[in-house]
Amino acid sequence: MIRVLIADDEAMMRAGVRAILESDPGIEVVFEAADGHEAIGGAQRHRPDVAVLDIRMPRLDGLAAATEIAATVPSTRIVMLTTFGEDDYIERALGGGALGFLLKAADPRELIAGVRAVSEGGAYLSPHIARRVIAPYRDGDRARGAEARDAIAALTGRERDVLALLGAGASNAEIGERLHLVEGTVKGYVSAILVKLGVRNRVEAAVQAHRAGIVPAD
């Protein structure tokens, strides 16, 4: 059972997130918070597997709460809920330890997929987040693009294929299906990619994929 904490200052949003998550019999919401302070306290008391945090909340926002939860309850994985107008927060959230990024307006199945992926030690980027937030780095910073292409040159062809799909927001299972690999093999490729690129997690690897321009078009 995946134990989840939800933090959002809108009661209706919390209720919706809870309903979506608990439609999966393998997920249980153990605590709800209306701001960052409550989220931190709830995480420290309940030690959930995953904390789903709204970025904008009163008193203490989700970014600050994510940083504190990551520091004091490192076993709790962080998923951030964002909107189209909050693209600039993503790098800050990365630095704060978040491993999942989801749009509030996304397909409800993405929320379940994101929580499951993060709970299993991976990371999850909503495809919409990947297109709208990470892709601009590819187009707007030539120096970073060149550095990313140099780094990716060290990957094998199959690792490059995996990274491209990872950058598009695909889960390990989806990558395996596309490339005709078992999920365990995909995990091995992802681990090797992180080491070769010198990045901490799948989200940072996805950023590199976009900067290098290897993510497939829709």
N, C-alpha and C. Protein backbone atom coordinates (compact mmCIF):
# COMPACT_ATOMS: atom_id res chain seq x y z
N MET A 1 0.84 -1.20 0.00
CA MET A 1 0.00 0.00 0.00
C MET A 1 0.88 1.26 0.00
N ILE A 2 0.62 2.17 -0.93
CA ILE A 2 1.36 3.43 -1.01
C ILE A 2 0.62 4.46 -0.16
N ARG A 3 1.30 4.99 0.86
CA ARG A 3 0.69 5.94 1.77
C ARG A 3 1.04 7.36 1.31
N VAL A 4 0.01 8.20 1.15
CA VAL A 4 0.19 9.51 0.52
C VAL A 4 -0.32 10.63 1.41
N LEU A 5 0.41 11.73 1.43
CA LEU A 5 -0.01 12.99 2.05
C LEU A 5 -0.37 13.96 0.93
N ILE A 6 -1.46 14.69 1.11
CA ILE A 6 -1.90 15.70 0.14
C ILE A 6 -1.86 17.07 0.80
N ALA A 7 -1.30 18.08 0.12
CA ALA A 7 -1.30 19.44 0.64
C ALA A 7 -1.76 20.41 -0.44
N ASP A 8 -2.87 21.10 -0.16
CA ASP A 8 -3.40 22.11 -1.07
C ASP A 8 -4.32 23.00 -0.25
N ASP A 9 -4.28 24.31 -0.49
CA ASP A 9 -5.10 25.20 0.33
C ASP A 9 -6.57 25.20 -0.09
N GLU A 10 -6.90 24.56 -1.22
CA GLU A 10 -8.29 24.49 -1.67
C GLU A 10 -8.87 23.13 -1.29
N ALA A 11 -9.92 23.16 -0.45
CA ALA A 11 -10.52 21.92 0.02
C ALA A 11 -11.06 21.07 -1.13
N MET A 12 -11.64 21.74 -2.13
CA MET A 12 -12.18 21.00 -3.27
C MET A 12 -11.07 20.28 -4.03
N MET A 13 -9.92 20.93 -4.16
CA MET A 13 -8.81 20.30 -4.86
C MET A 13 -8.30 19.10 -4.07
N ARG A 14 -8.19 19.25 -2.74
CA ARG A 14 -7.76 18.11 -1.93
C ARG A 14 -8.72 16.94 -2.08
N ALA A 15 -10.01 17.25 -2.06
CA ALA A 15 -11.01 16.19 -2.18
C ALA A 15 -10.89 15.49 -3.53
N GLY A 16 -10.64 16.26 -4.59
CA GLY A 16 -10.50 15.68 -5.91
C GLY A 16 -9.26 14.80 -6.02
N VAL A 17 -8.15 15.28 -5.48
CA VAL A 17 -6.91 14.51 -5.51
C VAL A 17 -7.08 13.21 -4.72
N ARG A 18 -7.71 13.32 -3.55
CA ARG A 18 -7.95 12.13 -2.73
C ARG A 18 -8.80 11.11 -3.49
N ALA A 19 -9.87 11.59 -4.11
CA ALA A 19 -10.77 10.69 -4.83
C ALA A 19 -10.05 9.98 -5.97
N ILE A 20 -9.22 10.72 -6.68
CA ILE A 20 -8.47 10.11 -7.79
C ILE A 20 -7.50 9.06 -7.27
N LEU A 21 -6.73 9.43 -6.26
CA LEU A 21 -5.71 8.51 -5.75
C LEU A 21 -6.34 7.26 -5.14
N GLU A 22 -7.41 7.44 -4.37
CA GLU A 22 -8.00 6.29 -3.68
C GLU A 22 -8.88 5.45 -4.59
N SER A 23 -9.02 5.87 -5.87
CA SER A 23 -9.65 4.98 -6.84
C SER A 23 -8.73 3.82 -7.19
N ASP A 24 -7.46 3.98 -6.85
CA ASP A 24 -6.48 2.90 -7.00
C ASP A 24 -6.42 2.14 -5.68
N PRO A 25 -6.74 0.86 -5.67
CA PRO A 25 -6.77 0.11 -4.40
C PRO A 25 -5.41 -0.01 -3.71
N GLY A 26 -4.35 0.34 -4.42
CA GLY A 26 -3.02 0.26 -3.83
C GLY A 26 -2.54 1.56 -3.22
N ILE A 27 -3.40 2.58 -3.18
CA ILE A 27 -3.01 3.90 -2.65
C ILE A 27 -3.95 4.30 -1.53
N GLU A 28 -3.38 4.82 -0.44
CA GLU A 28 -4.16 5.30 0.71
C GLU A 28 -3.70 6.71 1.08
N VAL A 29 -4.63 7.65 1.18
CA VAL A 29 -4.30 9.00 1.64
C VAL A 29 -4.35 9.00 3.17
N VAL A 30 -3.22 9.31 3.80
CA VAL A 30 -3.12 9.23 5.26
C VAL A 30 -3.21 10.59 5.94
N PHE A 31 -3.09 11.69 5.17
CA PHE A 31 -3.14 13.01 5.80
C PHE A 31 -3.41 14.06 4.74
N GLU A 32 -4.18 15.09 5.11
CA GLU A 32 -4.43 16.24 4.25
C GLU A 32 -3.98 17.50 4.97
N ALA A 33 -3.37 18.41 4.23
CA ALA A 33 -2.89 19.67 4.80
C ALA A 33 -3.35 20.83 3.94
N ALA A 34 -3.57 21.97 4.58
CA ALA A 34 -4.03 23.17 3.87
C ALA A 34 -2.91 24.16 3.62
N ASP A 35 -1.72 23.92 4.16
CA ASP A 35 -0.57 24.79 3.89
C ASP A 35 0.71 24.02 4.14
N GLY A 36 1.83 24.68 3.87
CA GLY A 36 3.12 24.02 3.98
C GLY A 36 3.48 23.59 5.38
N HIS A 37 3.14 24.41 6.39
CA HIS A 37 3.45 24.04 7.77
C HIS A 37 2.73 22.76 8.16
N GLU A 38 1.46 22.66 7.82
CA GLU A 38 0.70 21.45 8.11
C GLU A 38 1.27 20.25 7.37
N ALA A 39 1.71 20.47 6.15
CA ALA A 39 2.29 19.39 5.36
C ALA A 39 3.55 18.84 6.02
N ILE A 40 4.41 19.73 6.49
CA ILE A 40 5.65 19.30 7.14
C ILE A 40 5.33 18.50 8.40
N GLY A 41 4.43 19.04 9.23
CA GLY A 41 4.06 18.34 10.45
C GLY A 41 3.44 16.98 10.16
N GLY A 42 2.56 16.94 9.16
CA GLY A 42 1.93 15.68 8.79
C GLY A 42 2.93 14.66 8.28
N ALA A 43 3.89 15.12 7.49
CA ALA A 43 4.91 14.21 6.98
C ALA A 43 5.77 13.66 8.11
N GLN A 44 6.10 14.51 9.07
CA GLN A 44 6.94 14.06 10.18
C GLN A 44 6.20 13.09 11.10
N ARG A 45 4.88 13.27 11.24
CA ARG A 45 4.10 12.36 12.08
C ARG A 45 3.75 11.06 11.38
N HIS A 46 3.32 11.16 10.13
CA HIS A 46 2.79 9.98 9.43
C HIS A 46 3.81 9.28 8.53
N ARG A 47 4.87 9.97 8.18
CA ARG A 47 5.93 9.43 7.33
C ARG A 47 5.36 8.71 6.10
N PRO A 48 4.64 9.44 5.26
CA PRO A 48 4.04 8.83 4.06
C PRO A 48 5.12 8.46 3.05
N ASP A 49 4.74 7.60 2.13
CA ASP A 49 5.67 7.24 1.06
C ASP A 49 5.82 8.39 0.07
N VAL A 50 4.72 9.11 -0.16
CA VAL A 50 4.72 10.20 -1.14
C VAL A 50 3.95 11.39 -0.58
N ALA A 51 4.47 12.59 -0.79
CA ALA A 51 3.75 13.82 -0.46
C ALA A 51 3.43 14.55 -1.75
N VAL A 52 2.14 14.81 -1.98
CA VAL A 52 1.69 15.54 -3.17
C VAL A 52 1.41 16.97 -2.74
N LEU A 53 2.23 17.92 -3.18
CA LEU A 53 2.19 19.29 -2.68
C LEU A 53 1.83 20.29 -3.77
N ASP A 54 0.87 21.14 -3.48
CA ASP A 54 0.59 22.29 -4.34
C ASP A 54 1.75 23.26 -4.21
N ILE A 55 2.13 23.90 -5.30
CA ILE A 55 3.24 24.85 -5.23
C ILE A 55 2.85 26.09 -4.44
N ARG A 56 1.67 26.65 -4.73
CA ARG A 56 1.27 27.89 -4.07
C ARG A 56 0.28 27.61 -2.94
N MET A 57 0.72 27.89 -1.72
CA MET A 57 -0.14 27.76 -0.54
C MET A 57 0.16 28.91 0.41
N PRO A 58 -0.78 29.29 1.27
CA PRO A 58 -0.55 30.38 2.21
C PRO A 58 0.44 30.00 3.31
N ARG A 59 0.96 31.03 3.96
CA ARG A 59 1.90 30.89 5.08
C ARG A 59 3.23 30.27 4.65
N LEU A 60 3.19 29.07 4.12
CA LEU A 60 4.43 28.42 3.63
C LEU A 60 4.07 27.65 2.37
N ASP A 61 4.77 27.96 1.27
CA ASP A 61 4.38 27.33 0.00
C ASP A 61 4.93 25.92 -0.13
N GLY A 62 4.53 25.27 -1.22
CA GLY A 62 4.92 23.89 -1.43
C GLY A 62 6.40 23.71 -1.67
N LEU A 63 7.06 24.70 -2.26
CA LEU A 63 8.50 24.60 -2.51
C LEU A 63 9.27 24.54 -1.18
N ALA A 64 8.92 25.44 -0.27
CA ALA A 64 9.59 25.44 1.04
C ALA A 64 9.26 24.17 1.81
N ALA A 65 8.00 23.73 1.72
CA ALA A 65 7.61 22.51 2.41
C ALA A 65 8.36 21.31 1.85
N ALA A 66 8.53 21.26 0.54
CA ALA A 66 9.24 20.15 -0.09
C ALA A 66 10.68 20.08 0.41
N THR A 67 11.34 21.22 0.50
CA THR A 67 12.72 21.25 0.97
C THR A 67 12.82 20.72 2.40
N GLU A 68 11.90 21.15 3.26
CA GLU A 68 11.93 20.71 4.66
C GLU A 68 11.59 19.23 4.79
N ILE A 69 10.60 18.78 4.05
CA ILE A 69 10.24 17.36 4.12
C ILE A 69 11.39 16.50 3.62
N ALA A 70 12.02 16.90 2.52
CA ALA A 70 13.14 16.14 1.99
C ALA A 70 14.29 16.05 2.99
N ALA A 71 14.47 17.11 3.78
CA ALA A 71 15.56 17.14 4.76
C ALA A 71 15.25 16.35 6.02
N THR A 72 13.98 16.40 6.46
CA THR A 72 13.64 15.77 7.75
C THR A 72 12.97 14.41 7.61
N VAL A 73 12.37 14.14 6.46
CA VAL A 73 11.74 12.83 6.24
C VAL A 73 12.19 12.34 4.87
N PRO A 74 13.46 11.99 4.73
CA PRO A 74 14.00 11.67 3.40
C PRO A 74 13.35 10.47 2.73
N SER A 75 12.67 9.63 3.49
CA SER A 75 12.00 8.47 2.88
C SER A 75 10.73 8.88 2.14
N THR A 76 10.25 10.10 2.38
CA THR A 76 9.04 10.59 1.69
C THR A 76 9.43 11.23 0.36
N ARG A 77 8.86 10.73 -0.72
CA ARG A 77 9.13 11.27 -2.05
C ARG A 77 8.15 12.40 -2.34
N ILE A 78 8.61 13.39 -3.08
CA ILE A 78 7.82 14.59 -3.30
C ILE A 78 7.31 14.67 -4.74
N VAL A 79 6.00 14.94 -4.86
CA VAL A 79 5.37 15.24 -6.15
C VAL A 79 4.77 16.64 -6.05
N MET A 80 5.10 17.50 -7.01
CA MET A 80 4.57 18.86 -7.01
C MET A 80 3.42 18.98 -8.00
N LEU A 81 2.36 19.67 -7.56
CA LEU A 81 1.25 20.01 -8.44
C LEU A 81 1.42 21.45 -8.90
N THR A 82 1.33 21.67 -10.20
CA THR A 82 1.59 22.99 -10.75
C THR A 82 0.53 23.35 -11.78
N THR A 83 0.56 24.58 -12.23
CA THR A 83 -0.32 25.04 -13.30
C THR A 83 0.56 25.60 -14.41
N PHE A 84 -0.05 25.91 -15.55
CA PHE A 84 0.73 26.43 -16.68
C PHE A 84 1.46 27.71 -16.32
N GLY A 85 0.92 28.52 -15.44
CA GLY A 85 1.52 29.80 -15.11
C GLY A 85 2.66 29.74 -14.12
N GLU A 86 3.03 28.54 -13.69
CA GLU A 86 4.05 28.40 -12.66
C GLU A 86 5.29 27.67 -13.17
N ASP A 87 5.55 27.77 -14.47
CA ASP A 87 6.66 27.06 -15.08
C ASP A 87 8.01 27.41 -14.44
N ASP A 88 8.17 28.64 -14.01
CA ASP A 88 9.45 29.10 -13.49
C ASP A 88 9.81 28.48 -12.15
N TYR A 89 8.86 27.79 -11.51
CA TYR A 89 9.15 27.19 -10.21
C TYR A 89 9.83 25.82 -10.33
N ILE A 90 9.86 25.24 -11.51
CA ILE A 90 10.30 23.86 -11.63
C ILE A 90 11.75 23.66 -11.20
N GLU A 91 12.65 24.53 -11.63
CA GLU A 91 14.05 24.35 -11.22
C GLU A 91 14.20 24.49 -9.72
N ARG A 92 13.45 25.41 -9.10
CA ARG A 92 13.51 25.54 -7.64
C ARG A 92 13.02 24.26 -6.97
N ALA A 93 11.97 23.67 -7.53
CA ALA A 93 11.45 22.44 -6.95
C ALA A 93 12.45 21.30 -7.11
N LEU A 94 13.12 21.25 -8.24
CA LEU A 94 14.17 20.25 -8.43
C LEU A 94 15.23 20.36 -7.33
N GLY A 95 15.66 21.58 -7.08
CA GLY A 95 16.66 21.79 -6.05
C GLY A 95 16.16 21.43 -4.67
N GLY A 96 14.85 21.50 -4.48
CA GLY A 96 14.26 21.17 -3.18
C GLY A 96 14.00 19.70 -2.99
N GLY A 97 14.29 18.88 -3.98
CA GLY A 97 14.16 17.45 -3.81
C GLY A 97 12.94 16.82 -4.44
N ALA A 98 12.15 17.58 -5.18
CA ALA A 98 10.96 17.01 -5.81
C ALA A 98 11.36 16.06 -6.94
N LEU A 99 10.62 14.97 -7.06
CA LEU A 99 10.88 13.97 -8.10
C LEU A 99 9.73 13.80 -9.07
N GLY A 100 8.61 14.47 -8.80
CA GLY A 100 7.46 14.38 -9.69
C GLY A 100 6.87 15.75 -9.94
N PHE A 101 6.40 15.98 -11.17
CA PHE A 101 5.79 17.25 -11.54
C PHE A 101 4.55 16.97 -12.36
N LEU A 102 3.41 17.44 -11.88
CA LEU A 102 2.14 17.17 -12.53
C LEU A 102 1.32 18.44 -12.66
N LEU A 103 0.61 18.57 -13.76
CA LEU A 103 -0.30 19.69 -13.94
C LEU A 103 -1.64 19.37 -13.28
N LYS A 104 -2.21 20.37 -12.63
CA LYS A 104 -3.52 20.16 -12.00
C LYS A 104 -4.58 19.80 -13.03
N ALA A 105 -4.42 20.29 -14.24
CA ALA A 105 -5.42 20.05 -15.28
C ALA A 105 -5.15 18.79 -16.09
N ALA A 106 -4.17 17.99 -15.67
CA ALA A 106 -3.80 16.81 -16.45
C ALA A 106 -4.82 15.69 -16.29
N ASP A 107 -4.68 14.68 -17.12
CA ASP A 107 -5.50 13.47 -17.02
C ASP A 107 -5.32 12.87 -15.63
N PRO A 108 -6.40 12.53 -14.92
CA PRO A 108 -6.27 11.94 -13.58
C PRO A 108 -5.36 10.72 -13.54
N ARG A 109 -5.27 9.99 -14.65
CA ARG A 109 -4.40 8.82 -14.66
C ARG A 109 -2.94 9.20 -14.49
N GLU A 110 -2.59 10.43 -14.88
CA GLU A 110 -1.21 10.87 -14.69
C GLU A 110 -0.88 11.01 -13.21
N LEU A 111 -1.86 11.43 -12.41
CA LEU A 111 -1.62 11.58 -10.98
C LEU A 111 -1.29 10.23 -10.35
N ILE A 112 -2.07 9.23 -10.69
CA ILE A 112 -1.81 7.89 -10.16
C ILE A 112 -0.47 7.37 -10.67
N ALA A 113 -0.20 7.54 -11.95
CA ALA A 113 1.06 7.07 -12.52
C ALA A 113 2.24 7.77 -11.88
N GLY A 114 2.10 9.08 -11.65
CA GLY A 114 3.19 9.84 -11.04
C GLY A 114 3.47 9.40 -9.62
N VAL A 115 2.43 9.22 -8.82
CA VAL A 115 2.60 8.78 -7.43
C VAL A 115 3.23 7.39 -7.39
N ARG A 116 2.78 6.52 -8.27
CA ARG A 116 3.33 5.16 -8.29
C ARG A 116 4.80 5.17 -8.70
N ALA A 117 5.12 5.94 -9.73
CA ALA A 117 6.51 5.99 -10.21
C ALA A 117 7.45 6.52 -9.13
N VAL A 118 7.04 7.60 -8.49
CA VAL A 118 7.89 8.21 -7.46
C VAL A 118 8.01 7.30 -6.25
N SER A 119 6.93 6.61 -5.89
CA SER A 119 6.98 5.72 -4.72
C SER A 119 7.94 4.56 -4.95
N GLU A 120 8.15 4.21 -6.21
CA GLU A 120 9.04 3.09 -6.54
C GLU A 120 10.49 3.54 -6.70
N GLY A 121 10.77 4.79 -6.35
CA GLY A 121 12.14 5.29 -6.41
C GLY A 121 12.52 5.95 -7.71
N GLY A 122 11.56 6.08 -8.63
CA GLY A 122 11.84 6.75 -9.88
C GLY A 122 11.43 8.21 -9.80
N ALA A 123 11.10 8.76 -10.94
CA ALA A 123 10.62 10.14 -11.01
C ALA A 123 9.60 10.21 -12.13
N TYR A 124 8.81 11.27 -12.13
CA TYR A 124 7.76 11.36 -13.14
C TYR A 124 7.58 12.79 -13.59
N LEU A 125 7.60 12.96 -14.90
CA LEU A 125 7.33 14.26 -15.50
C LEU A 125 6.07 14.14 -16.33
N SER A 126 5.06 14.92 -16.02
CA SER A 126 3.92 14.99 -16.90
C SER A 126 4.40 15.36 -18.29
N PRO A 127 3.92 14.68 -19.33
CA PRO A 127 4.33 15.07 -20.69
C PRO A 127 4.08 16.55 -20.97
N HIS A 128 3.02 17.11 -20.42
CA HIS A 128 2.76 18.54 -20.61
C HIS A 128 3.85 19.39 -19.95
N ILE A 129 4.28 18.97 -18.77
CA ILE A 129 5.37 19.68 -18.09
C ILE A 129 6.63 19.60 -18.94
N ALA A 130 6.92 18.42 -19.47
CA ALA A 130 8.13 18.24 -20.28
C ALA A 130 8.10 19.18 -21.48
N ARG A 131 6.96 19.26 -22.15
CA ARG A 131 6.88 20.11 -23.34
C ARG A 131 6.95 21.59 -23.00
N ARG A 132 6.22 22.03 -21.98
CA ARG A 132 6.09 23.46 -21.71
C ARG A 132 7.20 24.03 -20.85
N VAL A 133 7.78 23.20 -19.99
CA VAL A 133 8.74 23.72 -19.03
C VAL A 133 10.18 23.40 -19.40
N ILE A 134 10.46 22.18 -19.75
CA ILE A 134 11.84 21.80 -19.99
C ILE A 134 12.27 22.13 -21.40
N ALA A 135 11.39 21.99 -22.37
CA ALA A 135 11.76 22.24 -23.76
C ALA A 135 12.35 23.63 -24.01
N PRO A 136 11.88 24.70 -23.35
CA PRO A 136 12.49 26.01 -23.60
C PRO A 136 13.98 26.08 -23.32
N TYR A 137 14.47 25.23 -22.39
CA TYR A 137 15.91 25.25 -22.13
C TYR A 137 16.68 24.85 -23.40
N ARG A 138 16.08 23.92 -24.16
CA ARG A 138 16.72 23.45 -25.38
C ARG A 138 16.87 24.59 -26.37
N ASP A 139 15.83 25.39 -26.50
CA ASP A 139 15.82 26.42 -27.52
C ASP A 139 16.48 27.72 -27.07
N GLY A 140 16.48 27.98 -25.76
CA GLY A 140 16.89 29.29 -25.30
C GLY A 140 18.31 29.39 -24.79
N ASP A 141 19.04 28.30 -24.72
CA ASP A 141 20.37 28.36 -24.15
C ASP A 141 21.30 27.46 -24.97
N ARG A 142 21.98 28.05 -25.94
CA ARG A 142 22.82 27.26 -26.83
C ARG A 142 23.98 26.61 -26.10
N ALA A 143 24.55 27.33 -25.12
CA ALA A 143 25.69 26.78 -24.39
C ALA A 143 25.28 25.51 -23.65
N ARG A 144 24.14 25.58 -22.95
CA ARG A 144 23.68 24.39 -22.24
C ARG A 144 23.35 23.27 -23.21
N GLY A 145 22.80 23.62 -24.36
CA GLY A 145 22.49 22.60 -25.36
C GLY A 145 23.74 21.89 -25.84
N ALA A 146 24.79 22.64 -26.08
CA ALA A 146 26.05 22.04 -26.52
C ALA A 146 26.63 21.14 -25.44
N GLU A 147 26.57 21.59 -24.19
CA GLU A 147 27.07 20.77 -23.09
C GLU A 147 26.28 19.47 -22.97
N ALA A 148 24.98 19.57 -23.12
CA ALA A 148 24.14 18.38 -23.02
C ALA A 148 24.46 17.40 -24.15
N ARG A 149 24.63 17.91 -25.36
CA ARG A 149 24.95 17.03 -26.49
C ARG A 149 26.29 16.35 -26.29
N ASP A 150 27.26 17.07 -25.72
CA ASP A 150 28.57 16.46 -25.43
C ASP A 150 28.42 15.34 -24.40
N ALA A 151 27.61 15.59 -23.37
CA ALA A 151 27.42 14.57 -22.33
C ALA A 151 26.73 13.34 -22.90
N ILE A 152 25.72 13.55 -23.73
CA ILE A 152 24.95 12.44 -24.27
C ILE A 152 25.76 11.63 -25.28
N ALA A 153 26.81 12.21 -25.82
CA ALA A 153 27.67 11.49 -26.76
C ALA A 153 28.32 10.27 -26.12
N ALA A 154 28.41 10.27 -24.77
CA ALA A 154 29.01 9.14 -24.07
C ALA A 154 28.07 7.95 -23.93
N LEU A 155 26.78 8.14 -24.26
CA LEU A 155 25.80 7.07 -24.11
C LEU A 155 25.85 6.11 -25.28
N THR A 156 25.47 4.87 -25.03
CA THR A 156 25.30 3.91 -26.12
C THR A 156 24.02 4.26 -26.89
N GLY A 157 23.84 3.66 -28.03
CA GLY A 157 22.63 3.92 -28.81
C GLY A 157 21.37 3.57 -28.05
N ARG A 158 21.37 2.43 -27.36
CA ARG A 158 20.18 2.02 -26.61
C ARG A 158 19.93 2.95 -25.44
N GLU A 159 21.00 3.39 -24.75
CA GLU A 159 20.83 4.34 -23.65
C GLU A 159 20.25 5.65 -24.15
N ARG A 160 20.66 6.06 -25.33
CA ARG A 160 20.13 7.29 -25.91
C ARG A 160 18.63 7.14 -26.21
N ASP A 161 18.25 5.96 -26.71
CA ASP A 161 16.83 5.70 -26.98
C ASP A 161 16.02 5.79 -25.69
N VAL A 162 16.54 5.19 -24.63
CA VAL A 162 15.85 5.21 -23.33
C VAL A 162 15.74 6.64 -22.82
N LEU A 163 16.84 7.40 -22.92
CA LEU A 163 16.83 8.78 -22.44
C LEU A 163 15.82 9.63 -23.21
N ALA A 164 15.71 9.43 -24.50
CA ALA A 164 14.77 10.21 -25.30
C ALA A 164 13.34 9.99 -24.83
N LEU A 165 12.98 8.74 -24.56
CA LEU A 165 11.63 8.45 -24.09
C LEU A 165 11.43 8.92 -22.66
N LEU A 166 12.47 8.81 -21.85
CA LEU A 166 12.39 9.32 -20.48
C LEU A 166 12.10 10.82 -20.52
N GLY A 167 12.77 11.51 -21.43
CA GLY A 167 12.56 12.95 -21.56
C GLY A 167 11.16 13.31 -21.99
N ALA A 168 10.49 12.38 -22.68
CA ALA A 168 9.11 12.61 -23.12
C ALA A 168 8.10 12.30 -22.02
N GLY A 169 8.59 11.88 -20.85
CA GLY A 169 7.70 11.62 -19.72
C GLY A 169 7.27 10.18 -19.59
N ALA A 170 7.88 9.27 -20.35
CA ALA A 170 7.48 7.86 -20.30
C ALA A 170 7.98 7.20 -19.02
N SER A 171 7.16 6.29 -18.49
CA SER A 171 7.56 5.50 -17.33
C SER A 171 8.47 4.36 -17.79
N ASN A 172 9.08 3.64 -16.84
CA ASN A 172 9.91 2.50 -17.21
C ASN A 172 9.11 1.46 -17.99
N ALA A 173 7.87 1.22 -17.55
CA ALA A 173 7.04 0.23 -18.23
C ALA A 173 6.75 0.67 -19.67
N GLU A 174 6.46 1.97 -19.86
CA GLU A 174 6.18 2.48 -21.20
C GLU A 174 7.41 2.43 -22.09
N ILE A 175 8.57 2.74 -21.51
CA ILE A 175 9.82 2.66 -22.27
C ILE A 175 10.06 1.22 -22.70
N GLY A 176 9.86 0.29 -21.76
CA GLY A 176 10.05 -1.12 -22.08
C GLY A 176 9.14 -1.58 -23.21
N GLU A 177 7.90 -1.12 -23.17
CA GLU A 177 6.94 -1.50 -24.22
C GLU A 177 7.37 -0.94 -25.57
N ARG A 178 7.82 0.30 -25.58
CA ARG A 178 8.21 0.94 -26.85
C ARG A 178 9.48 0.29 -27.43
N LEU A 179 10.41 -0.09 -26.55
CA LEU A 179 11.70 -0.59 -27.01
C LEU A 179 11.82 -2.11 -26.92
N HIS A 180 10.72 -2.77 -26.53
CA HIS A 180 10.69 -4.23 -26.42
C HIS A 180 11.74 -4.75 -25.43
N LEU A 181 11.74 -4.12 -24.26
CA LEU A 181 12.64 -4.49 -23.17
C LEU A 181 11.82 -4.80 -21.92
N VAL A 182 12.34 -5.68 -21.07
CA VAL A 182 11.67 -5.91 -19.79
C VAL A 182 11.97 -4.72 -18.88
N GLU A 183 11.08 -4.48 -17.91
CA GLU A 183 11.20 -3.28 -17.08
C GLU A 183 12.50 -3.26 -16.29
N GLY A 184 12.96 -4.43 -15.83
CA GLY A 184 14.22 -4.48 -15.09
C GLY A 184 15.40 -4.03 -15.93
N THR A 185 15.37 -4.37 -17.20
CA THR A 185 16.44 -3.93 -18.10
C THR A 185 16.40 -2.42 -18.29
N VAL A 186 15.20 -1.87 -18.39
CA VAL A 186 15.06 -0.41 -18.52
C VAL A 186 15.65 0.27 -17.29
N LYS A 187 15.34 -0.25 -16.10
CA LYS A 187 15.88 0.35 -14.87
C LYS A 187 17.41 0.35 -14.90
N GLY A 188 17.99 -0.73 -15.42
CA GLY A 188 19.45 -0.79 -15.52
C GLY A 188 20.00 0.27 -16.45
N TYR A 189 19.32 0.45 -17.59
CA TYR A 189 19.74 1.50 -18.51
C TYR A 189 19.62 2.88 -17.87
N VAL A 190 18.53 3.13 -17.17
CA VAL A 190 18.33 4.43 -16.53
C VAL A 190 19.43 4.69 -15.51
N SER A 191 19.77 3.69 -14.71
CA SER A 191 20.84 3.86 -13.72
C SER A 191 22.16 4.22 -14.40
N ALA A 192 22.46 3.54 -15.50
CA ALA A 192 23.71 3.82 -16.22
C ALA A 192 23.69 5.23 -16.80
N ILE A 193 22.53 5.65 -17.31
CA ILE A 193 22.40 6.99 -17.88
C ILE A 193 22.67 8.06 -16.82
N LEU A 194 22.10 7.88 -15.63
CA LEU A 194 22.30 8.87 -14.57
C LEU A 194 23.79 9.02 -14.23
N VAL A 195 24.48 7.88 -14.16
CA VAL A 195 25.91 7.92 -13.84
C VAL A 195 26.69 8.62 -14.95
N LYS A 196 26.43 8.25 -16.19
CA LYS A 196 27.19 8.82 -17.30
C LYS A 196 26.94 10.31 -17.48
N LEU A 197 25.70 10.75 -17.21
CA LEU A 197 25.38 12.17 -17.36
C LEU A 197 25.75 12.98 -16.11
N GLY A 198 26.03 12.29 -15.01
CA GLY A 198 26.37 13.00 -13.78
C GLY A 198 25.20 13.74 -13.17
N VAL A 199 24.00 13.17 -13.29
CA VAL A 199 22.80 13.81 -12.74
C VAL A 199 22.26 12.97 -11.60
N ARG A 200 21.40 13.60 -10.78
CA ARG A 200 20.93 12.94 -9.55
C ARG A 200 19.71 12.06 -9.75
N ASN A 201 18.89 12.38 -10.74
CA ASN A 201 17.64 11.65 -10.88
C ASN A 201 17.11 11.76 -12.30
N ARG A 202 15.97 11.07 -12.54
CA ARG A 202 15.38 11.03 -13.88
C ARG A 202 14.95 12.41 -14.37
N VAL A 203 14.52 13.25 -13.46
CA VAL A 203 14.05 14.57 -13.88
C VAL A 203 15.21 15.38 -14.47
N GLU A 204 16.36 15.36 -13.80
CA GLU A 204 17.51 16.07 -14.34
C GLU A 204 17.99 15.44 -15.65
N ALA A 205 17.87 14.12 -15.76
CA ALA A 205 18.22 13.47 -17.02
C ALA A 205 17.28 13.93 -18.14
N ALA A 206 15.98 14.07 -17.81
CA ALA A 206 15.02 14.55 -18.80
C ALA A 206 15.35 15.95 -19.27
N VAL A 207 15.80 16.81 -18.35
CA VAL A 207 16.22 18.16 -18.72
C VAL A 207 17.35 18.09 -19.75
N GLN A 208 18.31 17.20 -19.48
CA GLN A 208 19.43 17.07 -20.43
C GLN A 208 18.96 16.58 -21.80
N ALA A 209 17.98 15.67 -21.79
CA ALA A 209 17.45 15.16 -23.06
C ALA A 209 16.83 16.29 -23.88
N HIS A 210 16.09 17.17 -23.20
CA HIS A 210 15.47 18.29 -23.91
C HIS A 210 16.51 19.30 -24.37
N ARG A 211 17.48 19.57 -23.53
CA ARG A 211 18.52 20.52 -23.93
C ARG A 211 19.29 20.02 -25.15
N ALA A 212 19.47 18.70 -25.22
CA ALA A 212 20.21 18.11 -26.34
C ALA A 212 19.35 17.95 -27.58
N GLY A 213 18.04 18.13 -27.44
CA GLY A 213 17.16 18.05 -28.59
C GLY A 213 16.89 16.65 -29.08
N ILE A 214 16.90 15.63 -28.19
CA ILE A 214 16.70 14.25 -28.63
C ILE A 214 15.32 13.70 -28.29
N VAL A 215 14.48 14.51 -27.66
CA VAL A 215 13.16 14.04 -27.29
C VAL A 215 12.27 13.97 -28.52
N PRO A 216 11.59 12.83 -28.76
CA PRO A 216 10.79 12.71 -29.97
C PRO A 216 9.60 13.67 -29.96
N ALA A 217 9.21 14.15 -31.12
CA ALA A 217 8.03 15.01 -31.24
C ALA A 217 6.79 14.16 -31.07
N ASP A 218 5.67 14.82 -30.71
CA ASP A 218 4.40 14.11 -30.55
C ASP A 218 3.98 13.45 -31.87
